[in-house]
Each structure stands twice: as C-alpha cells, then as structure tokens.
PDB file of N, CA and C in Angstrom:
ATOM      1  N   UNK A   1      30.572 -19.146 -18.431  1.00  0.00           N
ATOM      2  CA  UNK A   1      29.818 -19.242 -17.205  1.00  0.00           C
ATOM      3  C   UNK A   1      28.752 -20.397 -17.694  1.00  0.00           C
ATOM      4  N   UNK A   2      28.978 -21.466 -17.030  1.00  0.00           N
ATOM      5  CA  UNK A   2      28.098 -22.473 -16.952  1.00  0.00           C
ATOM      6  C   UNK A   2      26.658 -22.351 -16.324  1.00  0.00           C
ATOM      7  N   UNK A   3      26.746 -21.674 -15.284  1.00  0.00           N
ATOM      8  CA  UNK A   3      25.596 -21.409 -14.584  1.00  0.00           C
ATOM      9  C   UNK A   3      24.461 -20.755 -15.212  1.00  0.00           C
ATOM     10  N   UNK A   4      24.820 -19.730 -16.320  1.00  0.00           N
ATOM     11  CA  UNK A   4      23.942 -18.970 -16.901  1.00  0.00           C
ATOM     12  C   UNK A   4      23.374 -19.316 -18.136  1.00  0.00           C
ATOM     13  N   UNK A   5      23.901 -20.523 -18.664  1.00  0.00           N
ATOM     14  CA  UNK A   5      23.657 -21.356 -19.931  1.00  0.00           C
ATOM     15  C   UNK A   5      22.253 -21.942 -20.055  1.00  0.00           C
ATOM     16  N   UNK A   6      21.618 -22.072 -18.807  1.00  0.00           N
ATOM     17  CA  UNK A   6      20.173 -22.624 -18.748  1.00  0.00           C
ATOM     18  C   UNK A   6      19.132 -21.599 -18.740  1.00  0.00           C
ATOM     19  N   UNK A   7      18.106 -21.628 -19.297  1.00  0.00           N
ATOM     20  CA  UNK A   7      17.128 -20.344 -19.828  1.00  0.00           C
ATOM     21  C   UNK A   7      16.419 -20.134 -18.464  1.00  0.00           C
ATOM     22  N   UNK A   8      16.239 -20.891 -17.454  1.00  0.00           N
ATOM     23  CA  UNK A   8      15.413 -20.947 -16.276  1.00  0.00           C
ATOM     24  C   UNK A   8      16.473 -19.914 -15.312  1.00  0.00           C
ATOM     25  N   UNK A   9      17.451 -19.962 -15.141  1.00  0.00           N
ATOM     26  CA  UNK A   9      18.460 -19.401 -14.261  1.00  0.00           C
ATOM     27  C   UNK A   9      18.519 -17.940 -15.167  1.00  0.00           C
ATOM     28  N   UNK A  10      18.877 -18.071 -16.460  1.00  0.00           N
ATOM     29  CA  UNK A  10      19.144 -16.436 -16.924  1.00  0.00           C
ATOM     30  C   UNK A  10      17.423 -15.923 -16.899  1.00  0.00           C
ATOM     31  N   UNK A  11      16.528 -16.426 -16.927  1.00  0.00           N
ATOM     32  CA  UNK A  11      15.791 -15.554 -16.852  1.00  0.00           C
ATOM     33  C   UNK A  11      15.291 -15.043 -15.390  1.00  0.00           C
ATOM     34  N   UNK A  12      15.794 -15.997 -14.483  1.00  0.00           N
ATOM     35  CA  UNK A  12      15.680 -15.519 -12.690  1.00  0.00           C
ATOM     36  C   UNK A  12      16.596 -14.428 -12.939  1.00  0.00           C
ATOM     37  N   UNK A  13      17.864 -13.956 -13.595  1.00  0.00           N
ATOM     38  CA  UNK A  13      18.794 -13.397 -13.303  1.00  0.00           C
ATOM     39  C   UNK A  13      18.560 -11.763 -13.918  1.00  0.00           C
ATOM     40  N   UNK A  14      17.815 -12.033 -15.068  1.00  0.00           N
ATOM     41  CA  UNK A  14      17.358 -10.940 -15.764  1.00  0.00           C
ATOM     42  C   UNK A  14      16.161 -10.318 -14.950  1.00  0.00           C
ATOM     43  N   UNK A  15      14.861 -11.085 -14.264  1.00  0.00           N
ATOM     44  CA  UNK A  15      14.077 -10.553 -13.493  1.00  0.00           C
ATOM     45  C   UNK A  15      14.581  -9.814 -12.184  1.00  0.00           C
ATOM     46  N   UNK A  16      15.487 -10.621 -11.657  1.00  0.00           N
ATOM     47  CA  UNK A  16      16.315  -9.893 -10.153  1.00  0.00           C
ATOM     48  C   UNK A  16      16.893  -8.556 -10.697  1.00  0.00           C
ATOM     49  N   UNK A  17      17.512  -8.340 -11.682  1.00  0.00           N
ATOM     50  CA  UNK A  17      18.341  -7.220 -12.045  1.00  0.00           C
ATOM     51  C   UNK A  17      17.183  -6.332 -12.463  1.00  0.00           C
ATOM     52  N   UNK A  18      15.976  -6.497 -13.090  1.00  0.00           N
ATOM     53  CA  UNK A  18      15.207  -5.586 -13.478  1.00  0.00           C
ATOM     54  C   UNK A  18      14.348  -5.200 -12.396  1.00  0.00           C
ATOM     55  N   UNK A  19      14.055  -6.060 -11.212  1.00  0.00           N
ATOM     56  CA  UNK A  19      13.378  -5.742 -10.232  1.00  0.00           C
ATOM     57  C   UNK A  19      14.408  -4.795  -9.122  1.00  0.00           C
ATOM     58  N   UNK A  20      15.703  -5.043  -9.103  1.00  0.00           N
ATOM     59  CA  UNK A  20      16.733  -3.996  -8.292  1.00  0.00           C
ATOM     60  C   UNK A  20      16.676  -2.965  -9.058  1.00  0.00           C
ATOM     61  N   UNK A  21      16.689  -2.917 -10.382  1.00  0.00           N
ATOM     62  CA  UNK A  21      16.768  -1.692 -11.060  1.00  0.00           C
ATOM     63  C   UNK A  21      15.524  -0.434 -10.709  1.00  0.00           C
ATOM     64  N   UNK A  22      14.162  -1.318 -10.617  1.00  0.00           N
ATOM     65  CA  UNK A  22      13.192  -0.573 -10.211  1.00  0.00           C
ATOM     66  C   UNK A  22      12.877  -0.070  -9.082  1.00  0.00           C
ATOM     67  N   UNK A  23      13.518  -0.887  -7.707  1.00  0.00           N
ATOM     68  CA  UNK A  23      13.767  -0.304  -6.426  1.00  0.00           C
ATOM     69  C   UNK A  23      14.751   0.725  -6.489  1.00  0.00           C
ATOM     70  N   UNK A  24      15.477   0.538  -7.014  1.00  0.00           N
ATOM     71  CA  UNK A  24      16.672   1.611  -6.769  1.00  0.00           C
ATOM     72  C   UNK A  24      16.031   3.140  -7.572  1.00  0.00           C
ATOM     73  N   UNK A  25      15.347   3.158  -8.712  1.00  0.00           N
ATOM     74  CA  UNK A  25      14.705   3.942  -9.548  1.00  0.00           C
ATOM     75  C   UNK A  25      13.719   4.865  -8.716  1.00  0.00           C
ATOM     76  N   UNK A  26      13.069   3.938  -7.760  1.00  0.00           N
ATOM     77  CA  UNK A  26      11.723   4.512  -7.011  1.00  0.00           C
ATOM     78  C   UNK A  26      12.266   5.084  -5.868  1.00  0.00           C
ATOM     79  N   UNK A  27      13.129   4.169  -4.808  1.00  0.00           N
ATOM     80  CA  UNK A  27      13.726   4.640  -3.643  1.00  0.00           C
ATOM     81  C   UNK A  27      14.735   5.646  -3.800  1.00  0.00           C
ATOM     82  N   UNK A  28      15.491   5.771  -4.679  1.00  0.00           N
ATOM     83  CA  UNK A  28      16.597   6.377  -4.902  1.00  0.00           C
ATOM     84  C   UNK A  28      16.320   7.635  -5.366  1.00  0.00           C
ATOM     85  N   UNK A  29      14.869   7.740  -5.583  1.00  0.00           N
ATOM     86  CA  UNK A  29      14.422   9.308  -6.480  1.00  0.00           C
ATOM     87  C   UNK A  29      14.795  10.446  -5.811  1.00  0.00           C
ATOM     88  N   UNK A  30      15.434  11.603  -6.332  1.00  0.00           N
ATOM     89  CA  UNK A  30      15.657  12.752  -5.834  1.00  0.00           C
ATOM     90  C   UNK A  30      14.459  13.707  -5.858  1.00  0.00           C
ATOM     91  N   UNK A  31      13.319  13.301  -5.982  1.00  0.00           N
ATOM     92  CA  UNK A  31      12.234  14.221  -6.185  1.00  0.00           C
ATOM     93  C   UNK A  31      11.604  14.538  -4.789  1.00  0.00           C
ATOM     94  N   UNK A  32      11.190  15.525  -4.424  1.00  0.00           N
ATOM     95  CA  UNK A  32      10.788  16.187  -3.297  1.00  0.00           C
ATOM     96  C   UNK A  32       9.608  15.219  -2.714  1.00  0.00           C
ATOM     97  N   UNK A  33       8.543  15.010  -3.629  1.00  0.00           N
ATOM     98  CA  UNK A  33       7.362  14.134  -3.362  1.00  0.00           C
ATOM     99  C   UNK A  33       7.421  13.153  -3.914  1.00  0.00           C
ATOM    100  N   UNK A  34       7.135  11.805  -3.133  1.00  0.00           N
ATOM    101  CA  UNK A  34       7.241  10.340  -3.555  1.00  0.00           C
ATOM    102  C   UNK A  34       6.303  10.149  -4.569  1.00  0.00           C
ATOM    103  N   UNK A  35       6.469   8.859  -5.003  1.00  0.00           N
ATOM    104  CA  UNK A  35       5.037   8.606  -6.009  1.00  0.00           C
ATOM    105  C   UNK A  35       4.162   8.117  -5.420  1.00  0.00           C
ATOM    106  N   UNK A  36       4.531   7.421  -3.935  1.00  0.00           N
ATOM    107  CA  UNK A  36       3.321   6.981  -3.208  1.00  0.00           C
ATOM    108  C   UNK A  36       2.564   8.325  -2.620  1.00  0.00           C
ATOM    109  N   UNK A  37       3.052   9.564  -2.477  1.00  0.00           N
ATOM    110  CA  UNK A  37       2.468  10.614  -2.083  1.00  0.00           C
ATOM    111  C   UNK A  37       1.555  11.264  -3.140  1.00  0.00           C
ATOM    112  N   UNK A  38       2.044  10.731  -4.532  1.00  0.00           N
ATOM    113  CA  UNK A  38       0.914  11.208  -5.453  1.00  0.00           C
ATOM    114  C   UNK A  38       0.257  10.306  -5.861  1.00  0.00           C
ATOM    115  N   UNK A  39       0.112   9.161  -5.495  1.00  0.00           N
ATOM    116  CA  UNK A  39      -0.681   7.887  -6.079  1.00  0.00           C
ATOM    117  C   UNK A  39      -1.996   8.063  -4.687  1.00  0.00           C
ATOM    118  N   UNK A  40      -1.350   7.623  -3.324  1.00  0.00           N
ATOM    119  CA  UNK A  40      -2.263   7.441  -2.480  1.00  0.00           C
ATOM    120  C   UNK A  40      -2.807   8.497  -1.939  1.00  0.00           C
ATOM    121  N   UNK A  41      -3.842   8.785  -1.901  1.00  0.00           N
ATOM    122  CA  UNK A  41      -4.669   9.937  -1.131  1.00  0.00           C
ATOM    123  C   UNK A  41      -4.325  10.055   0.500  1.00  0.00           C
ATOM    124  N   UNK A  42      -4.237  11.355   0.870  1.00  0.00           N
ATOM    125  CA  UNK A  42      -4.061  11.444   2.252  1.00  0.00           C
ATOM    126  C   UNK A  42      -5.215  10.759   3.009  1.00  0.00           C
ATOM    127  N   UNK A  43      -5.008  10.323   4.119  1.00  0.00           N
ATOM    128  CA  UNK A  43      -6.079   9.677   4.970  1.00  0.00           C
ATOM    129  C   UNK A  43      -6.808  10.651   5.834  1.00  0.00           C
ATOM    130  N   UNK A  44      -8.298  10.570   5.820  1.00  0.00           N
ATOM    131  CA  UNK A  44      -9.005  11.444   6.721  1.00  0.00           C
ATOM    132  C   UNK A  44     -10.112  10.778   7.797  1.00  0.00           C
ATOM    133  N   UNK A  45      -9.965  11.326   8.586  1.00  0.00           N
ATOM    134  CA  UNK A  45     -11.167  10.555   9.510  1.00  0.00           C
ATOM    135  C   UNK A  45     -12.642  10.817   9.486  1.00  0.00           C
ATOM    136  N   UNK A  46     -13.403   9.906   9.699  1.00  0.00           N
ATOM    137  CA  UNK A  46     -14.632   9.876   9.230  1.00  0.00           C
ATOM    138  C   UNK A  46     -15.218  10.833  10.420  1.00  0.00           C
ATOM    139  N   UNK A  47     -16.513  11.550  10.256  1.00  0.00           N
ATOM    140  CA  UNK A  47     -17.152  12.397  11.179  1.00  0.00           C
ATOM    141  C   UNK A  47     -17.391  11.495  12.341  1.00  0.00           C
ATOM    142  N   UNK A  48     -18.000  12.167  13.645  1.00  0.00           N
ATOM    143  CA  UNK A  48     -18.085  11.404  14.668  1.00  0.00           C
ATOM    144  C   UNK A  48     -19.673  11.742  15.004  1.00  0.00           C
ATOM    145  N   UNK A  49     -19.977  10.516  14.960  1.00  0.00           N
ATOM    146  CA  UNK A  49     -21.414  10.283  15.158  1.00  0.00           C
ATOM    147  C   UNK A  49     -21.804   9.862  16.797  1.00  0.00           C
ATOM    148  N   UNK A  50     -23.013  10.745  16.864  1.00  0.00           N
ATOM    149  CA  UNK A  50     -23.450  10.390  18.278  1.00  0.00           C
ATOM    150  C   UNK A  50     -23.786   8.895  18.566  1.00  0.00           C
ATOM    151  N   UNK A  51     -23.684   8.534  19.941  1.00  0.00           N
ATOM    152  CA  UNK A  51     -23.871   7.213  20.364  1.00  0.00           C
ATOM    153  C   UNK A  51     -25.287   6.935  20.395  1.00  0.00           C
ATOM    154  N   UNK A  52     -25.742   6.071  19.618  1.00  0.00           N
ATOM    155  CA  UNK A  52     -27.556   5.671  19.694  1.00  0.00           C
ATOM    156  C   UNK A  52     -27.716   4.367  20.646  1.00  0.00           C
ATOM    157  N   UNK A  53     -26.895   3.908  21.391  1.00  0.00           N
ATOM    158  CA  UNK A  53     -27.272   2.933  22.046  1.00  0.00           C
ATOM    159  C   UNK A  53     -28.218   3.116  22.941  1.00  0.00           C
ATOM    160  N   UNK A  54     -28.396   4.253  23.613  1.00  0.00           N
ATOM    161  CA  UNK A  54     -29.295   4.689  24.721  1.00  0.00           C
ATOM    162  C   UNK A  54     -29.960   5.875  24.123  1.00  0.00           C
ATOM    163  N   UNK A  55     -30.694   5.700  22.827  1.00  0.00           N
ATOM    164  CA  UNK A  55     -31.336   6.845  22.081  1.00  0.00           C
ATOM    165  C   UNK A  55     -32.541   7.081  22.552  1.00  0.00           C
ATOM    166  N   UNK A  56     -33.530   6.220  23.002  1.00  0.00           N
ATOM    167  CA  UNK A  56     -34.709   6.435  23.606  1.00  0.00           C
ATOM    168  C   UNK A  56     -34.882   5.494  24.575  1.00  0.00           C
ATOM    169  N   UNK A  57     -34.544   5.437  26.005  1.00  0.00           N
ATOM    170  CA  UNK A  57     -34.768   4.670  27.140  1.00  0.00           C
ATOM    171  C   UNK A  57     -35.834   4.755  27.572  1.00  0.00           C
ATOM    172  N   UNK A  58     -36.931   5.751  27.167  1.00  0.00           N
ATOM    173  CA  UNK A  58     -38.142   5.523  27.658  1.00  0.00           C
ATOM    174  C   UNK A  58     -38.921   4.496  26.995  1.00  0.00           C
ATOM    175  N   UNK A  59     -38.716   4.363  25.632  1.00  0.00           N
ATOM    176  CA  UNK A  59     -39.520   3.461  24.622  1.00  0.00           C
ATOM    177  C   UNK A  59     -39.177   1.993  25.131  1.00  0.00           C
ATOM    178  N   UNK A  60     -37.848   1.718  25.340  1.00  0.00           N
ATOM    179  CA  UNK A  60     -37.392   0.561  25.668  1.00  0.00           C
ATOM    180  C   UNK A  60     -37.848   0.138  26.829  1.00  0.00           C
ATOM    181  N   UNK A  61     -38.167   0.950  27.760  1.00  0.00           N
ATOM    182  CA  UNK A  61     -38.891   0.511  29.155  1.00  0.00           C
ATOM    183  C   UNK A  61     -40.091   0.022  29.239  1.00  0.00           C
ATOM    184  N   UNK A  62     -40.951   0.874  28.100  1.00  0.00           N
ATOM    185  CA  UNK A  62     -42.445   0.529  27.941  1.00  0.00           C
ATOM    186  C   UNK A  62     -42.484  -0.882  27.137  1.00  0.00           C
ATOM    187  N   UNK A  63     -41.649  -1.583  26.821  1.00  0.00           N
ATOM    188  CA  UNK A  63     -41.844  -3.041  25.975  1.00  0.00           C
ATOM    189  C   UNK A  63     -41.978  -3.974  26.880  1.00  0.00           C
TER     190      UNK A  63
END
C-alpha cells in the first residue's frame, strides 16, 4: 500500500480510526443513562422576580 507509507497519512488514518472507535463506544453504549446525563446537570429555571420598572412611579413624577 503505497498510500499509507507516508507518516502524515498514517497519522490521519490512525486518528480517524480512534475517533470512530470513540464515537461508536459512546453512542453505541448499552447503558440506561448516557454519559452526558451523568456529566451535565439538569437545567433549572431561575426564580421569577417582580417587574421593577414601575416600582415607585410617585417618586419619578416628583423629579
């Protein structure tokens, strides 16, 4: 195989194969919970704060 005699092509081939193996191992995992669920916490909403744009209209009118 004359194509893979170059070190550059050999390094790209090895890296591609390792990347594919990593993706297959993560995406093809038979576990109930994915790795993303274990690492990334669940999103929670911030508490609702009252609108303060019209908090004290009487003071603003006096200025």
